[in-house]
């Protein structure tokens, strides 16, 4: 088979860990990966939003992806990272336990996520699952798994009541 055809049948994902599970986020949505830093809390932020942080002059919301996907907050360690990703409405920081690698997965190896094993409110967030070596990777649908930013670069809620 032609090498260009083989590459066309591959997708690249950033593989990261939350607790003992491994997830994949399409690399095209990832802007950068940085060391974890604590966020500045924002009053009345939605659950799972740690606050905001400054990345090269841009104020971004920091989302605890452990809370969003598993219902339990990550416990930051020296291995913890922030994945800066495009959520569709702008960049967000995603706090994760660790980032492993960038992996190329064969499209033919991606299987639908078993719906019976997923919480109904997050079922759409998963593109599928794939075997990668001896590991099972849960692949995220970036458009549905990534939260919409609750804050603009000014730190004000996008859904704020203009009359307040």
C-alpha atoms as a PDB file:
ATOM      1  CA  UNK A   1       0.000   0.000   0.000  1.00  0.00           C
ATOM      2  CA  UNK A   2       1.121   3.523  -0.804  1.00  0.00           C
ATOM      3  CA  UNK A   3       2.514   5.414   2.238  1.00  0.00           C
ATOM      4  CA  UNK A   4       0.232   8.413   1.596  1.00  0.00           C
ATOM      5  CA  UNK A   5      -2.817   6.113   1.723  1.00  0.00           C
ATOM      6  CA  UNK A   6      -1.605   4.566   4.976  1.00  0.00           C
ATOM      7  CA  UNK A   7      -1.202   8.039   6.503  1.00  0.00           C
ATOM      8  CA  UNK A   8      -4.702   9.021   5.346  1.00  0.00           C
ATOM      9  CA  UNK A   9      -6.086   6.101   7.364  1.00  0.00           C
ATOM     10  CA  UNK A  10      -4.464   7.443  10.568  1.00  0.00           C
ATOM     11  CA  UNK A  11      -5.584  10.060  13.070  1.00  0.00           C
ATOM     12  CA  UNK A  12      -3.323  11.693  15.622  1.00  0.00           C
ATOM     13  CA  UNK A  13      -4.325  12.175  19.247  1.00  0.00           C
ATOM     14  CA  UNK A  14      -2.698  13.648  22.326  1.00  0.00           C
ATOM     15  CA  UNK A  15      -2.930  10.821  24.864  1.00  0.00           C
ATOM     16  CA  UNK A  16      -3.419  11.924  28.475  1.00  0.00           C
ATOM     17  CA  UNK A  17      -4.350  10.354  31.768  1.00  0.00           C
ATOM     18  CA  UNK A  18      -7.043  11.011  34.338  1.00  0.00           C
ATOM     19  CA  UNK A  19      -6.791   8.661  37.322  1.00  0.00           C
ATOM     20  CA  UNK A  20      -6.169   5.237  35.796  1.00  0.00           C
ATOM     21  CA  UNK A  21      -7.875   5.937  32.478  1.00  0.00           C
ATOM     22  CA  UNK A  22      -6.312   7.157  29.251  1.00  0.00           C
ATOM     23  CA  UNK A  23      -8.004   9.554  26.877  1.00  0.00           C
ATOM     24  CA  UNK A  24      -7.203  10.902  23.432  1.00  0.00           C
ATOM     25  CA  UNK A  25      -7.905  14.412  22.162  1.00  0.00           C
ATOM     26  CA  UNK A  26      -7.510  15.146  18.432  1.00  0.00           C
ATOM     27  CA  UNK A  27      -4.156  16.859  17.974  1.00  0.00           C
ATOM     28  CA  UNK A  28      -5.694  19.427  15.637  1.00  0.00           C
ATOM     29  CA  UNK A  29      -7.536  20.929  18.610  1.00  0.00           C
ATOM     30  CA  UNK A  30      -4.452  21.172  20.844  1.00  0.00           C
ATOM     31  CA  UNK A  31      -2.586  24.494  20.837  1.00  0.00           C
ATOM     32  CA  UNK A  32       0.013  23.685  23.491  1.00  0.00           C
ATOM     33  CA  UNK A  33       0.763  21.651  26.594  1.00  0.00           C
ATOM     34  CA  UNK A  34       2.171  23.418  29.637  1.00  0.00           C
ATOM     35  CA  UNK A  35       3.040  22.592  33.230  1.00  0.00           C
ATOM     36  CA  UNK A  36       0.126  22.758  35.611  1.00  0.00           C
ATOM     37  CA  UNK A  37      -0.288  26.041  37.455  1.00  0.00           C
ATOM     38  CA  UNK A  38      -3.013  26.933  39.906  1.00  0.00           C
ATOM     39  CA  UNK A  39      -5.748  29.158  38.539  1.00  0.00           C
ATOM     40  CA  UNK A  40      -7.063  32.367  40.021  1.00  0.00           C
ATOM     41  CA  UNK A  41     -10.525  31.511  41.339  1.00  0.00           C
ATOM     42  CA  UNK A  42     -13.498  33.297  39.806  1.00  0.00           C
ATOM     43  CA  UNK A  43     -16.571  33.925  41.984  1.00  0.00           C
ATOM     44  CA  UNK A  44     -19.628  31.865  40.997  1.00  0.00           C
ATOM     45  CA  UNK A  45     -17.699  29.874  38.387  1.00  0.00           C
ATOM     46  CA  UNK A  46     -19.473  26.725  37.203  1.00  0.00           C
ATOM     47  CA  UNK A  47     -18.521  23.472  38.889  1.00  0.00           C
ATOM     48  CA  UNK A  48     -15.347  22.063  37.375  1.00  0.00           C
ATOM     49  CA  UNK A  49     -13.995  25.485  36.403  1.00  0.00           C
ATOM     50  CA  UNK A  50     -10.932  26.082  38.574  1.00  0.00           C
ATOM     51  CA  UNK A  51     -10.756  29.731  37.543  1.00  0.00           C
ATOM     52  CA  UNK A  52      -8.617  31.607  35.039  1.00  0.00           C
ATOM     53  CA  UNK A  53      -4.905  31.689  34.239  1.00  0.00           C
ATOM     54  CA  UNK A  54      -2.650  33.882  32.150  1.00  0.00           C
ATOM     55  CA  UNK A  55      -1.002  32.328  29.112  1.00  0.00           C
ATOM     56  CA  UNK A  56       1.296  34.749  27.298  1.00  0.00           C
ATOM     57  CA  UNK A  57      -1.005  37.700  28.010  1.00  0.00           C
ATOM     58  CA  UNK A  58      -4.241  35.858  27.261  1.00  0.00           C
ATOM     59  CA  UNK A  59      -6.600  35.083  30.160  1.00  0.00           C
ATOM     60  CA  UNK A  60      -8.084  31.601  29.735  1.00  0.00           C
ATOM     61  CA  UNK A  61     -10.516  29.537  31.783  1.00  0.00           C
ATOM     62  CA  UNK A  62      -9.007  26.450  33.439  1.00  0.00           C
ATOM     63  CA  UNK A  63     -11.309  23.441  33.375  1.00  0.00           C
ATOM     64  CA  UNK A  64     -10.672  20.409  35.570  1.00  0.00           C
ATOM     65  CA  UNK A  65     -11.166  17.693  32.966  1.00  0.00           C
ATOM     66  CA  UNK A  66     -11.206  15.041  35.695  1.00  0.00           C
ATOM     67  CA  UNK A  67     -14.257  16.722  37.178  1.00  0.00           C
ATOM     68  CA  UNK A  68     -15.918  17.108  33.781  1.00  0.00           C
ATOM     69  CA  UNK A  69     -15.366  13.537  32.589  1.00  0.00           C
ATOM     70  CA  UNK A  70     -15.183  11.516  35.809  1.00  0.00           C
ATOM     71  CA  UNK A  71     -16.898  13.651  38.430  1.00  0.00           C
ATOM     72  CA  UNK A  72     -13.743  13.877  40.542  1.00  0.00           C
ATOM     73  CA  UNK A  73     -11.189  16.662  40.579  1.00  0.00           C
ATOM     74  CA  UNK A  74      -7.586  15.966  39.742  1.00  0.00           C
ATOM     75  CA  UNK A  75      -5.007  16.221  42.503  1.00  0.00           C
ATOM     76  CA  UNK A  76      -2.178  18.244  40.959  1.00  0.00           C
ATOM     77  CA  UNK A  77       1.278  16.638  41.035  1.00  0.00           C
ATOM     78  CA  UNK A  78       4.552  17.541  39.298  1.00  0.00           C
ATOM     79  CA  UNK A  79       3.353  15.366  36.369  1.00  0.00           C
ATOM     80  CA  UNK A  80       0.078  17.325  35.959  1.00  0.00           C
ATOM     81  CA  UNK A  81      -0.317  19.396  32.823  1.00  0.00           C
ATOM     82  CA  UNK A  82      -2.637  21.904  31.216  1.00  0.00           C
ATOM     83  CA  UNK A  83      -3.663  21.120  27.660  1.00  0.00           C
ATOM     84  CA  UNK A  84      -4.540  24.372  25.913  1.00  0.00           C
ATOM     85  CA  UNK A  85      -7.210  23.426  23.408  1.00  0.00           C
ATOM     86  CA  UNK A  86      -9.633  25.069  20.992  1.00  0.00           C
ATOM     87  CA  UNK A  87     -13.170  24.623  22.292  1.00  0.00           C
ATOM     88  CA  UNK A  88     -14.835  26.104  19.236  1.00  0.00           C
ATOM     89  CA  UNK A  89     -15.540  29.425  20.999  1.00  0.00           C
ATOM     90  CA  UNK A  90     -11.957  30.035  21.998  1.00  0.00           C
ATOM     91  CA  UNK A  91      -9.053  28.540  23.865  1.00  0.00           C
ATOM     92  CA  UNK A  92      -9.482  26.789  27.210  1.00  0.00           C
ATOM     93  CA  UNK A  93      -7.016  25.155  29.564  1.00  0.00           C
ATOM     94  CA  UNK A  94      -7.747  21.538  30.484  1.00  0.00           C
ATOM     95  CA  UNK A  95      -6.182  20.309  33.717  1.00  0.00           C
ATOM     96  CA  UNK A  96      -5.147  16.633  33.458  1.00  0.00           C
ATOM     97  CA  UNK A  97      -3.122  14.268  35.631  1.00  0.00           C
ATOM     98  CA  UNK A  98      -0.454  13.687  32.994  1.00  0.00           C
ATOM     99  CA  UNK A  99       0.198  13.777  29.232  1.00  0.00           C
ATOM    100  CA  UNK A 100       1.735  10.643  27.761  1.00  0.00           C
ATOM    101  CA  UNK A 101       2.406  11.146  24.064  1.00  0.00           C
ATOM    102  CA  UNK A 102       1.064  11.883  20.611  1.00  0.00           C
ATOM    103  CA  UNK A 103      -0.227   8.699  19.000  1.00  0.00           C
ATOM    104  CA  UNK A 104      -1.264   7.814  15.473  1.00  0.00           C
ATOM    105  CA  UNK A 105      -4.279   5.526  15.535  1.00  0.00           C
ATOM    106  CA  UNK A 106      -5.644   3.631  12.564  1.00  0.00           C
ATOM    107  CA  UNK A 107      -9.183   4.737  11.721  1.00  0.00           C
ATOM    108  CA  UNK A 108     -10.088   1.049  11.272  1.00  0.00           C
ATOM    109  CA  UNK A 109      -9.138   0.409  14.927  1.00  0.00           C
ATOM    110  CA  UNK A 110     -11.531   3.026  16.355  1.00  0.00           C
ATOM    111  CA  UNK A 111     -14.673   1.410  17.732  1.00  0.00           C
ATOM    112  CA  UNK A 112     -17.868   3.129  18.907  1.00  0.00           C
ATOM    113  CA  UNK A 113     -17.952   3.889  22.616  1.00  0.00           C
ATOM    114  CA  UNK A 114     -20.206   1.423  24.451  1.00  0.00           C
ATOM    115  CA  UNK A 115     -23.269   3.543  25.278  1.00  0.00           C
ATOM    116  CA  UNK A 116     -24.268   1.394  28.253  1.00  0.00           C
ATOM    117  CA  UNK A 117     -20.991   2.302  29.993  1.00  0.00           C
ATOM    118  CA  UNK A 118     -21.360   6.065  29.599  1.00  0.00           C
ATOM    119  CA  UNK A 119     -23.255   8.590  31.673  1.00  0.00           C
ATOM    120  CA  UNK A 120     -26.120   9.891  29.539  1.00  0.00           C
ATOM    121  CA  UNK A 121     -25.134  13.566  29.890  1.00  0.00           C
ATOM    122  CA  UNK A 122     -21.614  12.862  28.561  1.00  0.00           C
ATOM    123  CA  UNK A 123     -22.365  10.050  26.081  1.00  0.00           C
ATOM    124  CA  UNK A 124     -21.976  12.400  23.089  1.00  0.00           C
ATOM    125  CA  UNK A 125     -18.539  13.479  24.292  1.00  0.00           C
ATOM    126  CA  UNK A 126     -16.878  10.245  23.206  1.00  0.00           C
ATOM    127  CA  UNK A 127     -15.884   9.543  19.615  1.00  0.00           C
ATOM    128  CA  UNK A 128     -15.020   5.962  20.419  1.00  0.00           C
ATOM    129  CA  UNK A 129     -12.347   3.712  21.867  1.00  0.00           C
ATOM    130  CA  UNK A 130      -9.189   2.317  20.334  1.00  0.00           C
ATOM    131  CA  UNK A 131      -6.573  -0.233  21.245  1.00  0.00           C
ATOM    132  CA  UNK A 132      -3.103   1.259  21.291  1.00  0.00           C
ATOM    133  CA  UNK A 133      -0.600  -1.463  21.992  1.00  0.00           C
ATOM    134  CA  UNK A 134      -1.936  -3.174  25.107  1.00  0.00           C
ATOM    135  CA  UNK A 135      -3.848  -0.051  26.226  1.00  0.00           C
ATOM    136  CA  UNK A 136      -7.433   1.006  25.647  1.00  0.00           C
ATOM    137  CA  UNK A 137      -7.751   4.723  24.819  1.00  0.00           C
ATOM    138  CA  UNK A 138     -11.048   6.597  25.184  1.00  0.00           C
ATOM    139  CA  UNK A 139     -11.259   9.074  22.312  1.00  0.00           C
ATOM    140  CA  UNK A 140     -13.001  12.392  22.878  1.00  0.00           C
ATOM    141  CA  UNK A 141     -15.169  14.215  20.371  1.00  0.00           C
ATOM    142  CA  UNK A 142     -13.613  17.650  20.832  1.00  0.00           C
ATOM    143  CA  UNK A 143     -16.746  19.567  19.810  1.00  0.00           C
ATOM    144  CA  UNK A 144     -18.846  17.841  22.464  1.00  0.00           C
ATOM    145  CA  UNK A 145     -16.322  17.006  25.197  1.00  0.00           C
ATOM    146  CA  UNK A 146     -14.656  20.380  25.521  1.00  0.00           C
ATOM    147  CA  UNK A 147     -16.585  22.874  27.597  1.00  0.00           C
ATOM    148  CA  UNK A 148     -17.606  26.147  26.088  1.00  0.00           C
ATOM    149  CA  UNK A 149     -15.616  28.940  27.728  1.00  0.00           C
ATOM    150  CA  UNK A 150     -17.546  30.604  30.509  1.00  0.00           C
ATOM    151  CA  UNK A 151     -15.244  33.627  30.419  1.00  0.00           C
ATOM    152  CA  UNK A 152     -13.947  35.955  27.757  1.00  0.00           C
ATOM    153  CA  UNK A 153     -10.390  37.280  27.740  1.00  0.00           C
ATOM    154  CA  UNK A 154     -11.624  40.058  30.036  1.00  0.00           C
ATOM    155  CA  UNK A 155     -12.724  37.491  32.618  1.00  0.00           C
ATOM    156  CA  UNK A 156     -16.422  38.404  32.259  1.00  0.00           C
ATOM    157  CA  UNK A 157     -18.982  35.688  31.723  1.00  0.00           C
ATOM    158  CA  UNK A 158     -20.175  35.505  28.125  1.00  0.00           C
ATOM    159  CA  UNK A 159     -23.643  34.732  29.425  1.00  0.00           C
ATOM    160  CA  UNK A 160     -23.654  37.637  31.867  1.00  0.00           C
ATOM    161  CA  UNK A 161     -26.878  39.589  32.192  1.00  0.00           C
ATOM    162  CA  UNK A 162     -26.193  42.969  30.563  1.00  0.00           C
ATOM    163  CA  UNK A 163     -28.639  44.647  32.967  1.00  0.00           C
ATOM    164  CA  UNK A 164     -26.619  43.745  36.067  1.00  0.00           C
END
